[in-house]
């Protein structure tokens, strides 16, 4: 399966026509509790990742959440 992830082409090895978003994220080694995912232009809530089907040529933008603070 060929996907565009953050502007780069990624190949996910699978024998299926589609797999779920949560499986794609695991295959790409993302820590799912620390990311926000835009799927084909729409933000997908984490609770929907297990049912969201991903197919060839889909586009993902994945943003990692980084904690921190500022000095005043």
PDB file of N, CA and C in Angstrom:
ATOM      1  N   UNK A   1       0.850  -1.166   0.000  1.00  0.00           N
ATOM      2  CA  UNK A   1       0.000   0.000   0.000  1.00  0.00           C
ATOM      3  C   UNK A   1       0.903   1.239   0.000  1.00  0.00           C
ATOM      4  N   UNK A   2       0.605   2.159  -0.869  1.00  0.00           N
ATOM      5  CA  UNK A   2       1.396   3.381  -1.012  1.00  0.00           C
ATOM      6  C   UNK A   2       0.616   4.545  -0.402  1.00  0.00           C
ATOM      7  N   UNK A   3       1.216   5.211   0.584  1.00  0.00           N
ATOM      8  CA  UNK A   3       0.593   6.338   1.265  1.00  0.00           C
ATOM      9  C   UNK A   3       1.515   7.544   1.221  1.00  0.00           C
ATOM     10  N   UNK A   4       0.937   8.723   1.320  1.00  0.00           N
ATOM     11  CA  UNK A   4       1.732   9.930   1.511  1.00  0.00           C
ATOM     12  C   UNK A   4       1.592  10.314   2.979  1.00  0.00           C
ATOM     13  N   UNK A   5       2.726  10.332   3.689  1.00  0.00           N
ATOM     14  CA  UNK A   5       2.735  10.654   5.117  1.00  0.00           C
ATOM     15  C   UNK A   5       3.636  11.867   5.308  1.00  0.00           C
ATOM     16  N   UNK A   6       3.053  12.965   5.756  1.00  0.00           N
ATOM     17  CA  UNK A   6       3.785  14.214   5.959  1.00  0.00           C
ATOM     18  C   UNK A   6       4.586  14.593   4.718  1.00  0.00           C
ATOM     19  N   UNK A   7       3.960  14.417   3.556  1.00  0.00           N
ATOM     20  CA  UNK A   7       4.572  14.812   2.300  1.00  0.00           C
ATOM     21  C   UNK A   7       5.532  13.803   1.687  1.00  0.00           C
ATOM     22  N   UNK A   8       5.787  12.682   2.372  1.00  0.00           N
ATOM     23  CA  UNK A   8       6.698  11.659   1.862  1.00  0.00           C
ATOM     24  C   UNK A   8       5.931  10.391   1.516  1.00  0.00           C
ATOM     25  N   UNK A   9       6.349   9.734   0.452  1.00  0.00           N
ATOM     26  CA  UNK A   9       5.734   8.463   0.068  1.00  0.00           C
ATOM     27  C   UNK A   9       6.236   7.369   1.008  1.00  0.00           C
ATOM     28  N   UNK A  10       5.303   6.619   1.571  1.00  0.00           N
ATOM     29  CA  UNK A  10       5.620   5.477   2.439  1.00  0.00           C
ATOM     30  C   UNK A  10       4.924   4.244   1.867  1.00  0.00           C
ATOM     31  N   UNK A  11       5.603   3.116   1.940  1.00  0.00           N
ATOM     32  CA  UNK A  11       5.031   1.851   1.503  1.00  0.00           C
ATOM     33  C   UNK A  11       4.726   1.013   2.745  1.00  0.00           C
ATOM     34  N   UNK A  12       3.479   0.611   2.899  1.00  0.00           N
ATOM     35  CA  UNK A  12       3.052  -0.254   4.000  1.00  0.00           C
ATOM     36  C   UNK A  12       2.821  -1.634   3.404  1.00  0.00           C
ATOM     37  N   UNK A  13       3.531  -2.619   3.926  1.00  0.00           N
ATOM     38  CA  UNK A  13       3.373  -3.984   3.399  1.00  0.00           C
ATOM     39  C   UNK A  13       2.130  -4.627   3.991  1.00  0.00           C
ATOM     40  N   UNK A  14       1.215  -5.004   3.106  1.00  0.00           N
ATOM     41  CA  UNK A  14      -0.015  -5.675   3.507  1.00  0.00           C
ATOM     42  C   UNK A  14      -0.586  -6.412   2.295  1.00  0.00           C
ATOM     43  N   UNK A  15      -1.281  -7.494   2.553  1.00  0.00           N
ATOM     44  CA  UNK A  15      -1.956  -8.237   1.495  1.00  0.00           C
ATOM     45  C   UNK A  15      -3.408  -7.784   1.329  1.00  0.00           C
ATOM     46  N   UNK A  16      -3.827  -6.838   2.153  1.00  0.00           N
ATOM     47  CA  UNK A  16      -5.216  -6.374   2.145  1.00  0.00           C
ATOM     48  C   UNK A  16      -5.371  -5.125   1.290  1.00  0.00           C
ATOM     49  N   UNK A  17      -6.589  -4.879   0.806  1.00  0.00           N
ATOM     50  CA  UNK A  17      -6.874  -3.664   0.043  1.00  0.00           C
ATOM     51  C   UNK A  17      -6.949  -2.437   0.948  1.00  0.00           C
ATOM     52  N   UNK A  18      -7.323  -2.666   2.204  1.00  0.00           N
ATOM     53  CA  UNK A  18      -7.377  -1.573   3.177  1.00  0.00           C
ATOM     54  C   UNK A  18      -7.044  -2.129   4.556  1.00  0.00           C
ATOM     55  N   UNK A  19      -6.488  -1.248   5.374  1.00  0.00           N
ATOM     56  CA  UNK A  19      -6.238  -1.585   6.775  1.00  0.00           C
ATOM     57  C   UNK A  19      -6.685  -0.391   7.608  1.00  0.00           C
ATOM     58  N   UNK A  20      -6.772  -0.565   8.902  1.00  0.00           N
ATOM     59  CA  UNK A  20      -7.257   0.520   9.740  1.00  0.00           C
ATOM     60  C   UNK A  20      -6.137   1.522  10.038  1.00  0.00           C
ATOM     61  N   UNK A  21      -6.552   2.732  10.336  1.00  0.00           N
ATOM     62  CA  UNK A  21      -5.612   3.803  10.629  1.00  0.00           C
ATOM     63  C   UNK A  21      -4.738   3.455  11.828  1.00  0.00           C
ATOM     64  N   UNK A  22      -5.304   2.854  12.859  1.00  0.00           N
ATOM     65  CA  UNK A  22      -4.484   2.515  14.027  1.00  0.00           C
ATOM     66  C   UNK A  22      -3.380   1.521  13.672  1.00  0.00           C
ATOM     67  N   UNK A  23      -3.649   0.595  12.770  1.00  0.00           N
ATOM     68  CA  UNK A  23      -2.621  -0.350  12.342  1.00  0.00           C
ATOM     69  C   UNK A  23      -1.536   0.357  11.519  1.00  0.00           C
ATOM     70  N   UNK A  24      -1.927   1.274  10.660  1.00  0.00           N
ATOM     71  CA  UNK A  24      -0.944   2.052   9.896  1.00  0.00           C
ATOM     72  C   UNK A  24      -0.023   2.809  10.842  1.00  0.00           C
ATOM     73  N   UNK A  25      -0.594   3.460  11.853  1.00  0.00           N
ATOM     74  CA  UNK A  25       0.209   4.224  12.799  1.00  0.00           C
ATOM     75  C   UNK A  25       1.189   3.330  13.556  1.00  0.00           C
ATOM     76  N   UNK A  26       0.749   2.138  13.925  1.00  0.00           N
ATOM     77  CA  UNK A  26       1.637   1.189  14.602  1.00  0.00           C
ATOM     78  C   UNK A  26       2.754   0.738  13.667  1.00  0.00           C
ATOM     79  N   UNK A  27       2.418   0.450  12.410  1.00  0.00           N
ATOM     80  CA  UNK A  27       3.434   0.028  11.441  1.00  0.00           C
ATOM     81  C   UNK A  27       4.464   1.130  11.187  1.00  0.00           C
ATOM     82  N   UNK A  28       4.048   2.388  11.331  1.00  0.00           N
ATOM     83  CA  UNK A  28       4.954   3.519  11.152  1.00  0.00           C
ATOM     84  C   UNK A  28       5.661   3.909  12.453  1.00  0.00           C
ATOM     85  N   UNK A  29       5.419   3.136  13.516  1.00  0.00           N
ATOM     86  CA  UNK A  29       6.084   3.326  14.822  1.00  0.00           C
ATOM     87  C   UNK A  29       5.760   4.645  15.522  1.00  0.00           C
ATOM     88  N   UNK A  30       4.523   5.108  15.394  1.00  0.00           N
ATOM     89  CA  UNK A  30       4.099   6.303  16.123  1.00  0.00           C
ATOM     90  C   UNK A  30       3.560   5.913  17.487  1.00  0.00           C
ATOM     91  N   UNK A  31       3.856   6.747  18.495  1.00  0.00           N
ATOM     92  CA  UNK A  31       3.254   6.582  19.818  1.00  0.00           C
ATOM     93  C   UNK A  31       1.885   7.269  19.735  1.00  0.00           C
ATOM     94  N   UNK A  32       0.852   6.475  19.655  1.00  0.00           N
ATOM     95  CA  UNK A  32      -0.475   6.999  19.319  1.00  0.00           C
ATOM     96  C   UNK A  32      -1.050   7.958  20.353  1.00  0.00           C
ATOM     97  N   UNK A  33      -0.570   7.925  21.586  1.00  0.00           N
ATOM     98  CA  UNK A  33      -1.111   8.845  22.589  1.00  0.00           C
ATOM     99  C   UNK A  33      -0.517  10.249  22.459  1.00  0.00           C
ATOM    100  N   UNK A  34       0.479  10.427  21.561  1.00  0.00           N
ATOM    101  CA  UNK A  34       1.155  11.715  21.448  1.00  0.00           C
ATOM    102  C   UNK A  34       1.019  12.361  20.070  1.00  0.00           C
ATOM    103  N   UNK A  35      -0.006  11.981  19.308  1.00  0.00           N
ATOM    104  CA  UNK A  35      -0.127  12.513  17.952  1.00  0.00           C
ATOM    105  C   UNK A  35      -1.542  12.989  17.633  1.00  0.00           C
ATOM    106  N   UNK A  36      -1.608  13.826  16.601  1.00  0.00           N
ATOM    107  CA  UNK A  36      -2.865  14.246  15.985  1.00  0.00           C
ATOM    108  C   UNK A  36      -2.754  13.829  14.524  1.00  0.00           C
ATOM    109  N   UNK A  37      -3.836  13.266  13.969  1.00  0.00           N
ATOM    110  CA  UNK A  37      -3.789  12.752  12.606  1.00  0.00           C
ATOM    111  C   UNK A  37      -4.822  13.453  11.728  1.00  0.00           C
ATOM    112  N   UNK A  38      -4.317  13.966  10.591  1.00  0.00           N
ATOM    113  CA  UNK A  38      -5.183  14.489   9.546  1.00  0.00           C
ATOM    114  C   UNK A  38      -5.182  13.445   8.433  1.00  0.00           C
ATOM    115  N   UNK A  39      -6.360  12.975   8.079  1.00  0.00           N
ATOM    116  CA  UNK A  39      -6.529  11.917   7.088  1.00  0.00           C
ATOM    117  C   UNK A  39      -7.270  12.480   5.885  1.00  0.00           C
ATOM    118  N   UNK A  40      -6.589  12.564   4.757  1.00  0.00           N
ATOM    119  CA  UNK A  40      -7.185  13.137   3.540  1.00  0.00           C
ATOM    120  C   UNK A  40      -7.858  14.480   3.813  1.00  0.00           C
ATOM    121  N   UNK A  41      -7.190  15.317   4.613  1.00  0.00           N
ATOM    122  CA  UNK A  41      -7.662  16.677   4.871  1.00  0.00           C
ATOM    123  C   UNK A  41      -8.575  16.849   6.070  1.00  0.00           C
ATOM    124  N   UNK A  42      -8.932  15.776   6.745  1.00  0.00           N
ATOM    125  CA  UNK A  42      -9.823  15.858   7.910  1.00  0.00           C
ATOM    126  C   UNK A  42      -9.133  15.329   9.157  1.00  0.00           C
ATOM    127  N   UNK A  43      -9.276  16.032  10.280  1.00  0.00           N
ATOM    128  CA  UNK A  43      -8.754  15.549  11.553  1.00  0.00           C
ATOM    129  C   UNK A  43      -9.614  14.363  11.992  1.00  0.00           C
ATOM    130  N   UNK A  44      -8.969  13.264  12.344  1.00  0.00           N
ATOM    131  CA  UNK A  44      -9.685  12.059  12.779  1.00  0.00           C
ATOM    132  C   UNK A  44      -9.477  11.892  14.285  1.00  0.00           C
ATOM    133  N   UNK A  45     -10.561  11.775  15.011  1.00  0.00           N
ATOM    134  CA  UNK A  45     -10.497  11.563  16.462  1.00  0.00           C
ATOM    135  C   UNK A  45      -9.878  10.202  16.758  1.00  0.00           C
ATOM    136  N   UNK A  46      -9.042  10.123  17.802  1.00  0.00           N
ATOM    137  CA  UNK A  46      -8.401   8.845  18.140  1.00  0.00           C
ATOM    138  C   UNK A  46      -9.378   7.685  18.322  1.00  0.00           C
ATOM    139  N   UNK A  47     -10.567   7.947  18.825  1.00  0.00           N
ATOM    140  CA  UNK A  47     -11.515   6.855  19.038  1.00  0.00           C
ATOM    141  C   UNK A  47     -12.006   6.250  17.723  1.00  0.00           C
ATOM    142  N   UNK A  48     -11.799   6.947  16.597  1.00  0.00           N
ATOM    143  CA  UNK A  48     -12.222   6.445  15.286  1.00  0.00           C
ATOM    144  C   UNK A  48     -11.098   5.775  14.513  1.00  0.00           C
ATOM    145  N   UNK A  49      -9.868   5.792  15.030  1.00  0.00           N
ATOM    146  CA  UNK A  49      -8.725   5.213  14.332  1.00  0.00           C
ATOM    147  C   UNK A  49      -8.903   3.719  14.069  1.00  0.00           C
ATOM    148  N   UNK A  50      -9.533   3.013  14.990  1.00  0.00           N
ATOM    149  CA  UNK A  50      -9.685   1.556  14.853  1.00  0.00           C
ATOM    150  C   UNK A  50     -10.685   1.164  13.760  1.00  0.00           C
ATOM    151  N   UNK A  51     -11.517   2.098  13.329  1.00  0.00           N
ATOM    152  CA  UNK A  51     -12.511   1.790  12.296  1.00  0.00           C
ATOM    153  C   UNK A  51     -12.260   2.536  10.985  1.00  0.00           C
ATOM    154  N   UNK A  52     -11.359   3.521  11.010  1.00  0.00           N
ATOM    155  CA  UNK A  52     -11.070   4.292   9.798  1.00  0.00           C
ATOM    156  C   UNK A  52     -10.242   3.461   8.827  1.00  0.00           C
ATOM    157  N   UNK A  53     -10.798   3.159   7.673  1.00  0.00           N
ATOM    158  CA  UNK A  53     -10.098   2.372   6.658  1.00  0.00           C
ATOM    159  C   UNK A  53      -9.124   3.265   5.890  1.00  0.00           C
ATOM    160  N   UNK A  54      -7.928   2.741   5.672  1.00  0.00           N
ATOM    161  CA  UNK A  54      -6.896   3.423   4.898  1.00  0.00           C
ATOM    162  C   UNK A  54      -6.638   2.577   3.658  1.00  0.00           C
ATOM    163  N   UNK A  55      -6.638   3.224   2.499  1.00  0.00           N
ATOM    164  CA  UNK A  55      -6.412   2.513   1.241  1.00  0.00           C
ATOM    165  C   UNK A  55      -5.262   3.161   0.478  1.00  0.00           C
ATOM    166  N   UNK A  56      -4.868   2.495  -0.593  1.00  0.00           N
ATOM    167  CA  UNK A  56      -3.774   2.965  -1.430  1.00  0.00           C
ATOM    168  C   UNK A  56      -3.991   4.416  -1.862  1.00  0.00           C
ATOM    169  N   UNK A  57      -2.926   5.212  -1.782  1.00  0.00           N
ATOM    170  CA  UNK A  57      -2.889   6.618  -2.207  1.00  0.00           C
ATOM    171  C   UNK A  57      -3.548   7.590  -1.228  1.00  0.00           C
ATOM    172  N   UNK A  58      -3.947   7.156  -0.034  1.00  0.00           N
ATOM    173  CA  UNK A  58      -4.457   8.095   0.966  1.00  0.00           C
ATOM    174  C   UNK A  58      -3.324   8.983   1.447  1.00  0.00           C
ATOM    175  N   UNK A  59      -3.703  10.129   2.044  1.00  0.00           N
ATOM    176  CA  UNK A  59      -2.724  11.089   2.539  1.00  0.00           C
ATOM    177  C   UNK A  59      -2.913  11.308   4.032  1.00  0.00           C
ATOM    178  N   UNK A  60      -1.813  11.220   4.771  1.00  0.00           N
ATOM    179  CA  UNK A  60      -1.827  11.445   6.212  1.00  0.00           C
ATOM    180  C   UNK A  60      -0.872  12.578   6.567  1.00  0.00           C
ATOM    181  N   UNK A  61      -1.309  13.439   7.446  1.00  0.00           N
ATOM    182  CA  UNK A  61      -0.424  14.413   8.082  1.00  0.00           C
ATOM    183  C   UNK A  61      -0.468  14.062   9.560  1.00  0.00           C
ATOM    184  N   UNK A  62       0.692  13.790  10.134  1.00  0.00           N
ATOM    185  CA  UNK A  62       0.775  13.356  11.523  1.00  0.00           C
ATOM    186  C   UNK A  62       1.627  14.360  12.283  1.00  0.00           C
ATOM    187  N   UNK A  63       1.036  14.932  13.322  1.00  0.00           N
ATOM    188  CA  UNK A  63       1.724  15.931  14.131  1.00  0.00           C
ATOM    189  C   UNK A  63       1.951  15.347  15.515  1.00  0.00           C
ATOM    190  N   UNK A  64       3.200  15.414  15.973  1.00  0.00           N
ATOM    191  CA  UNK A  64       3.543  14.930  17.312  1.00  0.00           C
ATOM    192  C   UNK A  64       3.370  16.070  18.305  1.00  0.00           C
ATOM    193  N   UNK A  65       2.682  15.786  19.399  1.00  0.00           N
ATOM    194  CA  UNK A  65       2.456  16.769  20.451  1.00  0.00           C
ATOM    195  C   UNK A  65       3.673  16.792  21.354  1.00  0.00           C
ATOM    196  N   UNK A  66       4.210  17.986  21.578  1.00  0.00           N
ATOM    197  CA  UNK A  66       5.383  18.159  22.431  1.00  0.00           C
ATOM    198  C   UNK A  66       4.995  19.076  23.581  1.00  0.00           C
ATOM    199  N   UNK A  67       5.217  18.609  24.809  1.00  0.00           N
ATOM    200  CA  UNK A  67       4.922  19.429  25.970  1.00  0.00           C
ATOM    201  C   UNK A  67       6.084  20.355  26.277  1.00  0.00           C
ATOM    202  N   UNK A  68       5.807  21.365  27.003  1.00  0.00           N
ATOM    203  CA  UNK A  68       6.862  22.293  27.381  1.00  0.00           C
ATOM    204  C   UNK A  68       6.254  23.516  28.017  1.00  0.00           C
ATOM    205  N   UNK A  69       7.056  24.455  28.274  1.00  0.00           N
ATOM    206  CA  UNK A  69       6.575  25.681  28.894  1.00  0.00           C
ATOM    207  C   UNK A  69       7.435  26.841  28.471  1.00  0.00           C
ATOM    208  N   UNK A  70       7.145  27.957  29.031  1.00  0.00           N
ATOM    209  CA  UNK A  70       7.933  29.154  28.712  1.00  0.00           C
ATOM    210  C   UNK A  70       8.434  29.757  30.008  1.00  0.00           C
ATOM    211  N   UNK A  71       9.515  30.470  29.874  1.00  0.00           N
ATOM    212  CA  UNK A  71      10.079  31.181  31.030  1.00  0.00           C
ATOM    213  C   UNK A  71       9.567  32.598  31.010  1.00  0.00           C
ATOM    214  N   UNK A  72       9.066  33.062  32.152  1.00  0.00           N
ATOM    215  CA  UNK A  72       8.528  34.432  32.217  1.00  0.00           C
ATOM    216  C   UNK A  72       9.474  35.316  32.975  1.00  0.00           C
TER     217      UNK A  72
END
